[in-house]
């Protein structure tokens, strides 16, 4: 290999490594707003959990959220119905309209009918029902001047929030509520490598980790 080719190869290799090293990772924060005293990870393991159909903005990313929630929950328990399995049981037991009615009531008042919750729980055969709601991705861009070479660049801050709620289908009461935020920043010498799907998946993983790790809420 000629000396020039070696130099070009070295420059390309350095550029690739530099870009990878300067790729900002997703920062994740979770906040638990409510947990009933008798709602613990042990009670979930014993009584079972079902992930209800995902609602909210940006439905195109619901599969990424379902994937993150399903895989993370599966690492904690087998007593779990995935997004797809829950949807199938609702359909098989003619509960789609019941669920839609429950969601409409929730969107209007922030409450779900206890009778709807109990009927859904009986149909999916799990005591606890997890609902995840999507929010739109927020992107804040700002043009700035580099202190290194005086060139302008666009600083970008991307973030999104997911909210999670769990109902006890035996009592019809809400027993848990939390939010998960995923964000990343790109600046003069950094960039965001993660895709939008990565953001939604990461936020869903954090939400489920908060659900099972009760110690987080005590910190």
N, C-alpha and C. Protein backbone atom coordinates (compact mmCIF):
# COMPACT_ATOMS: atom_id res chain seq x y z
N UNK A 1 0.86 -1.20 0.00
CA UNK A 1 0.00 0.00 0.00
C UNK A 1 0.89 1.24 0.00
N UNK A 2 0.59 2.22 -0.87
CA UNK A 2 1.41 3.42 -0.96
C UNK A 2 1.28 4.26 0.29
N UNK A 3 2.22 5.18 0.48
CA UNK A 3 2.22 6.04 1.66
C UNK A 3 0.97 6.92 1.68
N UNK A 4 0.57 7.41 0.46
CA UNK A 4 -0.61 8.28 0.40
C UNK A 4 -1.87 7.52 0.81
N UNK A 5 -1.99 6.27 0.34
CA UNK A 5 -3.16 5.48 0.70
C UNK A 5 -3.19 5.19 2.20
N UNK A 6 -2.00 4.99 2.77
CA UNK A 6 -1.95 4.76 4.21
C UNK A 6 -2.42 5.98 4.98
N UNK A 7 -2.04 7.17 4.50
CA UNK A 7 -2.44 8.41 5.16
C UNK A 7 -3.95 8.59 5.06
N UNK A 8 -4.51 8.36 3.86
CA UNK A 8 -5.95 8.50 3.66
C UNK A 8 -6.70 7.52 4.54
N UNK A 9 -6.22 6.28 4.59
CA UNK A 9 -6.87 5.26 5.41
C UNK A 9 -6.84 5.66 6.88
N UNK A 10 -5.71 6.20 7.33
CA UNK A 10 -5.57 6.61 8.73
C UNK A 10 -6.53 7.74 9.05
N UNK A 11 -6.68 8.68 8.13
CA UNK A 11 -7.59 9.81 8.34
C UNK A 11 -9.03 9.34 8.43
N UNK A 12 -9.40 8.45 7.52
CA UNK A 12 -10.77 7.91 7.53
C UNK A 12 -11.03 7.15 8.82
N UNK A 13 -10.07 6.30 9.22
CA UNK A 13 -10.22 5.52 10.44
C UNK A 13 -10.35 6.43 11.65
N UNK A 14 -9.53 7.48 11.70
CA UNK A 14 -9.59 8.43 12.82
C UNK A 14 -10.95 9.13 12.84
N UNK A 15 -11.43 9.51 11.66
CA UNK A 15 -12.72 10.21 11.59
C UNK A 15 -13.85 9.35 12.09
N UNK A 16 -13.84 8.08 11.69
CA UNK A 16 -14.89 7.16 12.14
C UNK A 16 -14.83 6.98 13.65
N UNK A 17 -13.64 6.75 14.17
CA UNK A 17 -13.49 6.56 15.61
C UNK A 17 -13.87 7.83 16.37
N UNK A 18 -13.51 8.98 15.82
CA UNK A 18 -13.82 10.25 16.47
C UNK A 18 -15.31 10.48 16.55
N UNK A 19 -15.99 10.23 15.42
CA UNK A 19 -17.44 10.42 15.39
C UNK A 19 -18.14 9.48 16.35
N UNK A 20 -17.66 8.23 16.42
CA UNK A 20 -18.28 7.29 17.34
C UNK A 20 -18.06 7.69 18.78
N UNK A 21 -16.86 8.17 19.09
CA UNK A 21 -16.56 8.55 20.46
C UNK A 21 -17.30 9.80 20.88
N UNK A 22 -17.69 10.63 19.90
CA UNK A 22 -18.38 11.88 20.20
C UNK A 22 -19.89 11.76 20.04
N UNK A 23 -20.37 10.56 19.88
CA UNK A 23 -21.82 10.35 19.78
C UNK A 23 -22.41 10.33 21.18
N UNK A 24 -23.29 11.26 21.45
CA UNK A 24 -23.89 11.34 22.78
C UNK A 24 -24.91 10.22 22.98
N UNK A 25 -24.85 9.59 24.12
CA UNK A 25 -25.80 8.53 24.44
C UNK A 25 -27.08 9.14 25.00
N UNK A 26 -28.12 8.31 25.08
CA UNK A 26 -29.41 8.77 25.60
C UNK A 26 -29.36 8.80 27.12
N UNK A 27 -29.74 9.93 27.68
CA UNK A 27 -29.85 10.06 29.13
C UNK A 27 -31.27 9.72 29.55
N UNK A 28 -31.41 8.94 30.60
CA UNK A 28 -32.72 8.46 31.02
C UNK A 28 -32.99 8.87 32.47
N UNK A 29 -34.16 9.45 32.71
CA UNK A 29 -34.60 9.76 34.06
C UNK A 29 -36.03 9.27 34.25
N UNK A 30 -36.32 8.75 35.43
CA UNK A 30 -37.68 8.29 35.72
C UNK A 30 -38.15 8.93 37.02
N UNK A 31 -39.44 9.11 37.12
CA UNK A 31 -40.03 9.69 38.33
C UNK A 31 -41.32 8.95 38.66
N UNK A 32 -41.37 8.41 39.85
CA UNK A 32 -42.57 7.71 40.30
C UNK A 32 -43.46 8.68 41.07
N UNK A 33 -44.69 8.79 40.64
CA UNK A 33 -45.62 9.74 41.23
C UNK A 33 -46.58 9.09 42.22
N UNK A 34 -46.84 7.81 42.04
CA UNK A 34 -47.79 7.12 42.92
C UNK A 34 -47.47 5.63 42.95
N UNK A 35 -47.55 5.03 44.13
CA UNK A 35 -47.47 3.58 44.28
C UNK A 35 -48.26 3.19 45.52
N UNK A 36 -49.25 2.36 45.33
CA UNK A 36 -50.01 1.85 46.46
C UNK A 36 -49.11 1.02 47.35
N UNK A 37 -49.36 1.06 48.64
CA UNK A 37 -48.48 0.39 49.60
C UNK A 37 -48.38 -1.10 49.35
N UNK A 38 -49.49 -1.71 48.94
CA UNK A 38 -49.48 -3.17 48.73
C UNK A 38 -49.13 -3.57 47.30
N UNK A 39 -48.75 -2.58 46.47
CA UNK A 39 -48.35 -2.87 45.10
C UNK A 39 -46.83 -2.96 45.03
N UNK A 40 -46.31 -4.18 44.97
CA UNK A 40 -44.87 -4.42 44.98
C UNK A 40 -44.48 -5.30 43.81
N UNK A 41 -43.18 -5.44 43.60
CA UNK A 41 -42.73 -6.34 42.54
C UNK A 41 -43.17 -7.77 42.82
N UNK A 42 -43.25 -8.14 44.09
CA UNK A 42 -43.71 -9.49 44.45
C UNK A 42 -45.17 -9.69 44.06
N UNK A 43 -46.00 -8.67 44.27
CA UNK A 43 -47.41 -8.82 43.92
C UNK A 43 -47.58 -8.92 42.40
N UNK A 44 -46.72 -8.25 41.66
CA UNK A 44 -46.78 -8.36 40.19
C UNK A 44 -46.41 -9.77 39.77
N UNK A 45 -45.36 -10.31 40.38
CA UNK A 45 -44.92 -11.66 40.03
C UNK A 45 -46.01 -12.69 40.33
N UNK A 46 -46.72 -12.48 41.43
CA UNK A 46 -47.75 -13.44 41.84
C UNK A 46 -49.03 -13.30 41.04
N UNK A 47 -49.46 -12.08 40.77
CA UNK A 47 -50.79 -11.84 40.20
C UNK A 47 -50.78 -11.56 38.69
N UNK A 48 -49.63 -11.23 38.14
CA UNK A 48 -49.53 -11.04 36.70
C UNK A 48 -49.79 -9.61 36.24
N UNK A 49 -49.21 -9.30 35.07
CA UNK A 49 -49.28 -7.97 34.48
C UNK A 49 -49.56 -8.09 32.99
N UNK A 50 -50.42 -7.21 32.48
CA UNK A 50 -50.71 -7.18 31.05
C UNK A 50 -50.47 -5.77 30.53
N UNK A 51 -49.80 -5.66 29.38
CA UNK A 51 -49.56 -4.36 28.75
C UNK A 51 -50.72 -4.07 27.81
N UNK A 52 -51.50 -3.05 28.15
CA UNK A 52 -52.65 -2.66 27.34
C UNK A 52 -52.20 -2.02 26.04
N UNK A 53 -53.08 -1.97 25.03
CA UNK A 53 -52.73 -1.27 23.79
C UNK A 53 -52.25 0.15 24.07
N UNK A 54 -51.21 0.55 23.37
CA UNK A 54 -50.53 1.82 23.64
C UNK A 54 -51.28 2.97 22.98
N UNK A 55 -51.45 4.05 23.74
CA UNK A 55 -52.19 5.20 23.23
C UNK A 55 -51.30 6.44 23.25
N UNK A 56 -51.83 7.55 22.73
CA UNK A 56 -51.10 8.81 22.73
C UNK A 56 -50.60 9.21 21.36
N UNK A 57 -49.76 10.24 21.33
CA UNK A 57 -49.22 10.78 20.08
C UNK A 57 -48.19 9.83 19.47
N UNK A 58 -47.90 10.06 18.18
CA UNK A 58 -46.83 9.31 17.49
C UNK A 58 -47.04 7.80 17.57
N UNK A 59 -48.20 7.34 17.12
CA UNK A 59 -48.49 5.92 17.15
C UNK A 59 -47.52 5.10 16.29
N UNK A 60 -46.83 5.77 15.36
CA UNK A 60 -45.86 5.07 14.52
C UNK A 60 -44.76 4.44 15.36
N UNK A 61 -44.55 4.94 16.59
CA UNK A 61 -43.48 4.42 17.44
C UNK A 61 -44.00 3.45 18.51
N UNK A 62 -45.25 3.04 18.41
CA UNK A 62 -45.78 2.17 19.45
C UNK A 62 -45.09 0.81 19.48
N UNK A 63 -44.62 0.34 18.31
CA UNK A 63 -43.91 -0.94 18.29
C UNK A 63 -42.57 -0.85 19.01
N UNK A 64 -41.90 0.30 18.89
CA UNK A 64 -40.64 0.48 19.60
C UNK A 64 -40.88 0.50 21.10
N UNK A 65 -41.96 1.16 21.53
CA UNK A 65 -42.31 1.20 22.95
C UNK A 65 -42.68 -0.20 23.44
N UNK A 66 -43.51 -0.90 22.66
CA UNK A 66 -43.91 -2.26 23.04
C UNK A 66 -42.70 -3.17 23.14
N UNK A 67 -41.75 -3.04 22.21
CA UNK A 67 -40.55 -3.86 22.21
C UNK A 67 -39.74 -3.62 23.48
N UNK A 68 -39.55 -2.34 23.84
CA UNK A 68 -38.79 -2.02 25.04
C UNK A 68 -39.48 -2.51 26.30
N UNK A 69 -40.80 -2.32 26.36
CA UNK A 69 -41.55 -2.75 27.55
C UNK A 69 -41.59 -4.27 27.65
N UNK A 70 -41.84 -4.93 26.53
CA UNK A 70 -41.95 -6.40 26.55
C UNK A 70 -40.63 -7.06 26.95
N UNK A 71 -39.54 -6.63 26.33
CA UNK A 71 -38.25 -7.27 26.61
C UNK A 71 -37.81 -7.02 28.05
N UNK A 72 -38.04 -5.81 28.55
CA UNK A 72 -37.62 -5.50 29.92
C UNK A 72 -38.48 -6.23 30.94
N UNK A 73 -39.79 -6.25 30.73
CA UNK A 73 -40.68 -6.97 31.65
C UNK A 73 -40.34 -8.46 31.66
N UNK A 74 -40.02 -9.01 30.49
CA UNK A 74 -39.67 -10.41 30.38
C UNK A 74 -38.43 -10.78 31.17
N UNK A 75 -37.58 -9.80 31.45
CA UNK A 75 -36.39 -10.07 32.26
C UNK A 75 -36.71 -10.14 33.74
N UNK A 76 -37.92 -9.69 34.12
CA UNK A 76 -38.33 -9.73 35.53
C UNK A 76 -39.30 -10.88 35.83
N UNK A 77 -40.21 -11.17 34.88
CA UNK A 77 -41.24 -12.15 35.18
C UNK A 77 -41.77 -12.82 33.90
N UNK A 78 -42.26 -14.05 34.07
CA UNK A 78 -42.95 -14.74 32.98
C UNK A 78 -44.46 -14.56 33.08
N UNK A 79 -44.92 -14.03 34.20
CA UNK A 79 -46.35 -13.85 34.43
C UNK A 79 -46.79 -12.52 33.80
N UNK A 80 -46.71 -12.48 32.50
CA UNK A 80 -46.87 -11.21 31.77
C UNK A 80 -47.47 -11.46 30.40
N UNK A 81 -48.39 -10.57 30.02
CA UNK A 81 -48.94 -10.59 28.67
C UNK A 81 -48.36 -9.42 27.89
N UNK A 82 -47.73 -9.71 26.78
CA UNK A 82 -47.14 -8.67 25.95
C UNK A 82 -48.22 -7.82 25.30
N UNK A 83 -47.80 -6.74 24.71
CA UNK A 83 -48.69 -5.84 23.97
C UNK A 83 -49.52 -6.62 22.95
N UNK A 84 -48.86 -7.49 22.19
CA UNK A 84 -49.56 -8.25 21.15
C UNK A 84 -50.51 -9.28 21.76
N UNK A 85 -50.07 -9.97 22.79
CA UNK A 85 -50.91 -10.99 23.43
C UNK A 85 -52.15 -10.37 24.08
N UNK A 86 -51.97 -9.22 24.72
CA UNK A 86 -53.11 -8.54 25.33
C UNK A 86 -54.12 -8.11 24.28
N UNK A 87 -53.62 -7.56 23.18
CA UNK A 87 -54.51 -7.13 22.09
C UNK A 87 -55.30 -8.31 21.54
N UNK A 88 -54.65 -9.45 21.41
CA UNK A 88 -55.33 -10.64 20.90
C UNK A 88 -56.41 -11.12 21.86
N UNK A 89 -56.12 -11.09 23.16
CA UNK A 89 -57.12 -11.54 24.13
C UNK A 89 -58.31 -10.58 24.19
N UNK A 90 -58.05 -9.30 24.08
CA UNK A 90 -59.15 -8.33 24.04
C UNK A 90 -60.05 -8.61 22.85
N UNK A 91 -59.43 -8.90 21.72
CA UNK A 91 -60.20 -9.19 20.51
C UNK A 91 -60.95 -10.52 20.63
N UNK A 92 -60.29 -11.56 21.15
CA UNK A 92 -60.90 -12.88 21.27
C UNK A 92 -62.08 -12.88 22.24
N UNK A 93 -62.03 -12.02 23.25
CA UNK A 93 -63.07 -11.97 24.27
C UNK A 93 -64.06 -10.82 24.05
N UNK A 94 -64.03 -10.25 22.84
CA UNK A 94 -64.96 -9.17 22.48
C UNK A 94 -64.89 -7.99 23.46
N UNK A 95 -63.66 -7.63 23.83
CA UNK A 95 -63.46 -6.55 24.80
C UNK A 95 -62.84 -5.30 24.18
N UNK A 96 -62.73 -5.28 22.85
CA UNK A 96 -62.13 -4.12 22.19
C UNK A 96 -62.97 -2.88 22.45
N UNK A 97 -64.29 -2.99 22.32
CA UNK A 97 -65.17 -1.84 22.55
C UNK A 97 -65.14 -1.42 24.02
N UNK A 98 -65.00 -2.39 24.91
CA UNK A 98 -64.91 -2.08 26.35
C UNK A 98 -63.64 -1.29 26.64
N UNK A 99 -62.55 -1.71 26.01
CA UNK A 99 -61.29 -0.98 26.20
C UNK A 99 -61.37 0.42 25.61
N UNK A 100 -61.94 0.54 24.43
CA UNK A 100 -62.10 1.85 23.81
C UNK A 100 -62.94 2.78 24.68
N UNK A 101 -63.99 2.23 25.26
CA UNK A 101 -64.84 3.01 26.17
C UNK A 101 -64.05 3.47 27.39
N UNK A 102 -63.22 2.57 27.91
CA UNK A 102 -62.40 2.91 29.07
C UNK A 102 -61.41 4.02 28.73
N UNK A 103 -60.79 3.94 27.56
CA UNK A 103 -59.81 4.95 27.14
C UNK A 103 -60.49 6.30 26.90
N UNK A 104 -61.67 6.28 26.30
CA UNK A 104 -62.40 7.54 26.07
C UNK A 104 -62.71 8.21 27.40
N UNK A 105 -63.13 7.41 28.38
CA UNK A 105 -63.40 7.98 29.70
C UNK A 105 -62.14 8.53 30.34
N UNK A 106 -61.04 7.81 30.14
CA UNK A 106 -59.76 8.27 30.70
C UNK A 106 -59.31 9.57 30.05
N UNK A 107 -59.46 9.67 28.74
CA UNK A 107 -59.05 10.89 28.03
C UNK A 107 -59.91 12.08 28.43
N UNK A 108 -61.17 11.82 28.75
CA UNK A 108 -62.09 12.91 29.10
C UNK A 108 -61.92 13.38 30.54
N UNK A 109 -61.68 12.43 31.44
CA UNK A 109 -61.70 12.78 32.86
C UNK A 109 -60.45 12.38 33.63
N UNK A 110 -59.55 11.59 32.99
CA UNK A 110 -58.38 11.09 33.69
C UNK A 110 -58.70 9.87 34.55
N UNK A 111 -59.93 9.35 34.41
CA UNK A 111 -60.36 8.19 35.18
C UNK A 111 -60.85 7.09 34.25
N UNK A 112 -60.69 5.86 34.69
CA UNK A 112 -61.25 4.72 33.98
C UNK A 112 -62.39 4.12 34.79
N UNK A 113 -63.42 3.68 34.12
CA UNK A 113 -64.54 3.02 34.79
C UNK A 113 -64.05 1.76 35.49
N UNK A 114 -64.39 1.63 36.77
CA UNK A 114 -63.97 0.43 37.52
C UNK A 114 -64.53 -0.84 36.89
N UNK A 115 -65.77 -0.76 36.42
CA UNK A 115 -66.38 -1.95 35.81
C UNK A 115 -65.64 -2.34 34.54
N UNK A 116 -65.20 -1.35 33.75
CA UNK A 116 -64.43 -1.64 32.55
C UNK A 116 -63.09 -2.28 32.90
N UNK A 117 -62.43 -1.75 33.92
CA UNK A 117 -61.13 -2.28 34.34
C UNK A 117 -61.28 -3.73 34.79
N UNK A 118 -62.30 -4.00 35.58
CA UNK A 118 -62.52 -5.35 36.09
C UNK A 118 -62.85 -6.33 34.97
N UNK A 119 -63.63 -5.86 34.00
CA UNK A 119 -63.99 -6.71 32.88
C UNK A 119 -62.77 -7.03 32.01
N UNK A 120 -61.93 -6.03 31.79
CA UNK A 120 -60.72 -6.24 31.00
C UNK A 120 -59.77 -7.18 31.72
N UNK A 121 -59.59 -6.99 33.03
CA UNK A 121 -58.71 -7.86 33.80
C UNK A 121 -59.14 -9.31 33.76
N UNK A 122 -60.46 -9.53 33.86
CA UNK A 122 -60.97 -10.89 33.78
C UNK A 122 -60.73 -11.49 32.40
N UNK A 123 -60.84 -10.66 31.37
CA UNK A 123 -60.67 -11.15 30.01
C UNK A 123 -59.24 -11.52 29.67
N UNK A 124 -58.28 -10.76 30.20
CA UNK A 124 -56.87 -11.05 29.91
C UNK A 124 -56.25 -11.95 30.97
N UNK A 125 -56.99 -12.18 32.06
CA UNK A 125 -56.57 -13.08 33.13
C UNK A 125 -55.28 -12.63 33.80
N UNK A 126 -55.15 -11.32 34.02
CA UNK A 126 -54.05 -10.75 34.78
C UNK A 126 -54.63 -9.68 35.71
N UNK A 127 -54.12 -9.63 36.92
CA UNK A 127 -54.67 -8.68 37.88
C UNK A 127 -54.29 -7.23 37.55
N UNK A 128 -53.03 -7.02 37.16
CA UNK A 128 -52.55 -5.66 36.96
C UNK A 128 -52.49 -5.30 35.48
N UNK A 129 -52.97 -4.10 35.17
CA UNK A 129 -53.06 -3.64 33.78
C UNK A 129 -52.20 -2.39 33.62
N UNK A 130 -51.19 -2.48 32.76
CA UNK A 130 -50.26 -1.38 32.51
C UNK A 130 -50.64 -0.65 31.23
N UNK A 131 -50.82 0.64 31.35
CA UNK A 131 -51.10 1.48 30.18
C UNK A 131 -49.95 2.47 30.00
N UNK A 132 -49.35 2.48 28.82
CA UNK A 132 -48.29 3.43 28.49
C UNK A 132 -48.82 4.42 27.46
N UNK A 133 -48.59 5.68 27.73
CA UNK A 133 -49.06 6.73 26.83
C UNK A 133 -47.86 7.46 26.21
N UNK A 134 -47.91 7.60 24.89
CA UNK A 134 -46.83 8.25 24.16
C UNK A 134 -47.01 9.76 24.16
N UNK A 135 -45.91 10.46 24.09
CA UNK A 135 -45.90 11.90 23.86
C UNK A 135 -45.02 12.18 22.66
N UNK A 136 -45.18 13.33 22.06
CA UNK A 136 -44.39 13.68 20.88
C UNK A 136 -42.94 13.94 21.27
N UNK A 137 -42.06 13.72 20.30
CA UNK A 137 -40.64 14.03 20.49
C UNK A 137 -40.45 15.54 20.43
N UNK A 138 -39.76 16.08 21.42
CA UNK A 138 -39.44 17.51 21.43
C UNK A 138 -38.01 17.71 20.93
N UNK A 139 -37.86 18.60 19.94
CA UNK A 139 -36.54 18.90 19.39
C UNK A 139 -36.31 20.40 19.47
N UNK A 140 -35.32 20.79 20.25
CA UNK A 140 -34.99 22.20 20.42
C UNK A 140 -33.65 22.46 19.74
N UNK A 141 -33.67 23.26 18.67
CA UNK A 141 -32.46 23.56 17.91
C UNK A 141 -32.08 25.04 18.06
N UNK A 142 -30.78 25.29 18.14
CA UNK A 142 -30.30 26.65 18.31
C UNK A 142 -28.95 26.81 17.60
N UNK A 143 -28.82 27.85 16.78
CA UNK A 143 -27.58 28.12 16.07
C UNK A 143 -26.60 28.84 16.98
N UNK A 144 -25.39 28.30 17.06
CA UNK A 144 -24.37 28.89 17.92
C UNK A 144 -23.06 29.00 17.16
N UNK A 145 -22.11 29.72 17.73
CA UNK A 145 -20.80 29.91 17.12
C UNK A 145 -19.75 29.12 17.90
N UNK A 146 -18.96 28.36 17.19
CA UNK A 146 -17.95 27.53 17.82
C UNK A 146 -16.84 28.39 18.41
N UNK A 147 -16.42 28.04 19.62
CA UNK A 147 -15.30 28.75 20.25
C UNK A 147 -13.96 28.26 19.71
N UNK A 148 -13.98 27.17 18.93
CA UNK A 148 -12.74 26.60 18.41
C UNK A 148 -12.32 27.24 17.10
N UNK A 149 -13.29 27.34 16.16
CA UNK A 149 -12.91 27.86 14.84
C UNK A 149 -13.80 29.00 14.36
N UNK A 150 -14.72 29.42 15.20
CA UNK A 150 -15.57 30.56 14.83
C UNK A 150 -16.69 30.21 13.86
N UNK A 151 -16.78 28.94 13.47
CA UNK A 151 -17.85 28.52 12.56
C UNK A 151 -19.16 28.33 13.32
N UNK A 152 -20.26 28.52 12.61
CA UNK A 152 -21.56 28.32 13.24
C UNK A 152 -21.95 26.84 13.17
N UNK A 153 -22.69 26.39 14.15
CA UNK A 153 -23.20 25.02 14.18
C UNK A 153 -24.57 25.03 14.84
N UNK A 154 -25.29 23.96 14.66
CA UNK A 154 -26.62 23.86 15.25
C UNK A 154 -26.57 22.93 16.45
N UNK A 155 -26.84 23.47 17.63
CA UNK A 155 -26.95 22.66 18.84
C UNK A 155 -28.37 22.13 18.91
N UNK A 156 -28.50 20.86 19.23
CA UNK A 156 -29.83 20.22 19.22
C UNK A 156 -30.04 19.45 20.51
N UNK A 157 -31.21 19.63 21.08
CA UNK A 157 -31.60 18.90 22.27
C UNK A 157 -32.88 18.12 21.98
N UNK A 158 -32.82 16.79 22.01
CA UNK A 158 -33.97 15.94 21.72
C UNK A 158 -34.43 15.27 23.01
N UNK A 159 -35.73 15.24 23.22
CA UNK A 159 -36.24 14.58 24.42
C UNK A 159 -37.67 14.13 24.19
N UNK A 160 -38.08 13.14 24.96
CA UNK A 160 -39.47 12.70 24.93
C UNK A 160 -39.85 12.15 26.29
N UNK A 161 -41.14 12.10 26.53
CA UNK A 161 -41.64 11.61 27.81
C UNK A 161 -42.71 10.56 27.58
N UNK A 162 -42.61 9.48 28.33
CA UNK A 162 -43.66 8.46 28.37
C UNK A 162 -44.26 8.46 29.77
N UNK A 163 -45.55 8.22 29.85
CA UNK A 163 -46.19 8.07 31.15
C UNK A 163 -46.76 6.67 31.26
N UNK A 164 -46.70 6.11 32.45
CA UNK A 164 -47.21 4.77 32.68
C UNK A 164 -48.16 4.74 33.87
N UNK A 165 -49.23 3.98 33.74
CA UNK A 165 -50.22 3.85 34.80
C UNK A 165 -50.60 2.38 34.94
N UNK A 166 -50.73 1.91 36.17
CA UNK A 166 -51.16 0.54 36.42
C UNK A 166 -52.45 0.56 37.24
N UNK A 167 -53.43 -0.24 36.78
CA UNK A 167 -54.68 -0.41 37.52
C UNK A 167 -54.75 -1.83 38.08
N UNK A 168 -55.34 -1.94 39.24
CA UNK A 168 -55.63 -3.23 39.86
C UNK A 168 -57.02 -3.65 39.38
N UNK A 169 -57.10 -4.70 38.58
CA UNK A 169 -58.38 -5.09 37.99
C UNK A 169 -59.33 -5.75 38.99
N UNK A 170 -58.83 -6.09 40.18
CA UNK A 170 -59.71 -6.65 41.21
C UNK A 170 -60.50 -5.55 41.90
N UNK A 171 -59.82 -4.43 42.15
CA UNK A 171 -60.47 -3.32 42.86
C UNK A 171 -60.91 -2.21 41.91
N UNK A 172 -60.32 -2.17 40.70
CA UNK A 172 -60.61 -1.09 39.77
C UNK A 172 -59.86 0.18 40.08
N UNK A 173 -58.93 0.13 41.04
CA UNK A 173 -58.20 1.32 41.48
C UNK A 173 -56.85 1.45 40.78
N UNK A 174 -56.41 2.70 40.63
CA UNK A 174 -55.07 2.98 40.11
C UNK A 174 -54.07 2.75 41.24
N UNK A 175 -53.03 1.95 40.97
CA UNK A 175 -52.08 1.60 42.03
C UNK A 175 -50.66 2.11 41.75
N UNK A 176 -50.42 2.62 40.56
CA UNK A 176 -49.05 3.07 40.24
C UNK A 176 -49.10 4.07 39.10
N UNK A 177 -48.21 5.05 39.17
CA UNK A 177 -48.11 6.04 38.09
C UNK A 177 -46.69 6.59 38.08
N UNK A 178 -46.12 6.70 36.88
CA UNK A 178 -44.74 7.20 36.76
C UNK A 178 -44.51 7.77 35.38
N UNK A 179 -43.42 8.51 35.23
CA UNK A 179 -43.01 9.04 33.93
C UNK A 179 -41.56 8.66 33.68
N UNK A 180 -41.22 8.60 32.40
CA UNK A 180 -39.86 8.28 31.98
C UNK A 180 -39.47 9.26 30.88
N UNK A 181 -38.30 9.86 31.02
CA UNK A 181 -37.82 10.84 30.04
C UNK A 181 -36.50 10.37 29.45
N UNK A 182 -36.43 10.42 28.13
CA UNK A 182 -35.20 10.08 27.41
C UNK A 182 -34.75 11.31 26.64
N UNK A 183 -33.49 11.67 26.77
CA UNK A 183 -33.00 12.86 26.10
C UNK A 183 -31.54 12.74 25.69
N UNK A 184 -31.15 13.58 24.72
CA UNK A 184 -29.75 13.62 24.28
C UNK A 184 -29.47 14.99 23.68
N UNK A 185 -28.21 15.40 23.75
CA UNK A 185 -27.80 16.73 23.28
C UNK A 185 -26.67 16.60 22.29
N UNK A 186 -26.73 17.39 21.22
CA UNK A 186 -25.61 17.46 20.27
C UNK A 186 -25.12 18.90 20.20
N UNK A 187 -23.79 19.04 20.19
CA UNK A 187 -23.22 20.38 20.19
C UNK A 187 -22.16 20.55 19.12
N UNK A 188 -21.11 21.29 19.45
CA UNK A 188 -20.07 21.63 18.50
C UNK A 188 -19.32 20.39 18.02
N UNK A 189 -18.92 19.54 18.93
CA UNK A 189 -18.12 18.36 18.58
C UNK A 189 -18.83 17.05 18.92
N UNK A 190 -20.11 17.11 19.12
CA UNK A 190 -20.86 15.90 19.44
C UNK A 190 -22.07 15.78 18.53
N UNK A 191 -22.59 14.57 18.43
CA UNK A 191 -23.78 14.36 17.62
C UNK A 191 -24.64 13.28 18.27
N UNK A 192 -25.90 13.21 17.86
CA UNK A 192 -26.84 12.22 18.38
C UNK A 192 -26.93 11.09 17.37
N UNK A 193 -26.43 9.93 17.75
CA UNK A 193 -26.44 8.79 16.85
C UNK A 193 -27.74 8.01 16.94
N UNK A 194 -28.39 8.06 18.10
CA UNK A 194 -29.60 7.26 18.33
C UNK A 194 -30.74 7.72 17.42
N UNK A 195 -31.55 6.76 16.97
CA UNK A 195 -32.73 7.05 16.16
C UNK A 195 -33.90 7.39 17.09
N UNK A 196 -34.98 7.90 16.51
CA UNK A 196 -36.18 8.18 17.30
C UNK A 196 -36.70 6.90 17.95
N UNK A 197 -36.63 5.80 17.21
CA UNK A 197 -37.06 4.51 17.77
C UNK A 197 -36.25 4.16 19.01
N UNK A 198 -34.95 4.46 19.00
CA UNK A 198 -34.10 4.19 20.15
C UNK A 198 -34.57 4.98 21.38
N UNK A 199 -34.98 6.24 21.15
CA UNK A 199 -35.46 7.07 22.25
C UNK A 199 -36.71 6.46 22.89
N UNK A 200 -37.67 6.07 22.04
CA UNK A 200 -38.92 5.51 22.56
C UNK A 200 -38.68 4.18 23.27
N UNK A 201 -37.82 3.36 22.70
CA UNK A 201 -37.53 2.06 23.30
C UNK A 201 -36.83 2.25 24.66
N UNK A 202 -35.88 3.16 24.71
CA UNK A 202 -35.15 3.41 25.95
C UNK A 202 -36.06 3.95 27.04
N UNK A 203 -36.96 4.86 26.68
CA UNK A 203 -37.90 5.41 27.66
C UNK A 203 -38.82 4.33 28.21
N UNK A 204 -39.26 3.42 27.35
CA UNK A 204 -40.12 2.33 27.78
C UNK A 204 -39.37 1.39 28.73
N UNK A 205 -38.12 1.11 28.41
CA UNK A 205 -37.31 0.25 29.28
C UNK A 205 -37.17 0.88 30.67
N UNK A 206 -36.93 2.19 30.70
CA UNK A 206 -36.78 2.88 31.99
C UNK A 206 -38.06 2.87 32.80
N UNK A 207 -39.19 3.00 32.11
CA UNK A 207 -40.48 3.00 32.79
C UNK A 207 -40.74 1.66 33.47
N UNK A 208 -40.45 0.58 32.76
CA UNK A 208 -40.67 -0.76 33.33
C UNK A 208 -39.67 -1.05 34.46
N UNK A 209 -38.44 -0.59 34.31
CA UNK A 209 -37.46 -0.77 35.38
C UNK A 209 -37.92 -0.07 36.65
N UNK A 210 -38.50 1.10 36.50
CA UNK A 210 -39.03 1.82 37.65
C UNK A 210 -40.20 1.06 38.28
N UNK A 211 -41.01 0.45 37.44
CA UNK A 211 -42.17 -0.31 37.91
C UNK A 211 -41.75 -1.47 38.81
N UNK A 212 -40.70 -2.18 38.43
CA UNK A 212 -40.29 -3.36 39.17
C UNK A 212 -39.29 -3.06 40.28
N UNK A 213 -38.54 -2.01 40.15
CA UNK A 213 -37.51 -1.70 41.14
C UNK A 213 -38.05 -0.69 42.12
N UNK A 214 -38.74 -1.16 43.14
CA UNK A 214 -39.37 -0.28 44.11
C UNK A 214 -38.35 0.56 44.86
N UNK A 215 -37.11 0.08 44.93
CA UNK A 215 -36.07 0.81 45.64
C UNK A 215 -35.83 2.18 45.02
N UNK A 216 -36.07 2.32 43.72
CA UNK A 216 -35.84 3.61 43.07
C UNK A 216 -36.73 4.68 43.67
N UNK A 217 -37.96 4.32 44.00
CA UNK A 217 -38.91 5.31 44.53
C UNK A 217 -38.55 5.73 45.95
N UNK A 218 -37.68 4.97 46.63
CA UNK A 218 -37.29 5.29 47.99
C UNK A 218 -36.03 6.14 48.05
N UNK A 219 -35.43 6.37 46.89
CA UNK A 219 -34.16 7.10 46.87
C UNK A 219 -34.41 8.60 46.78
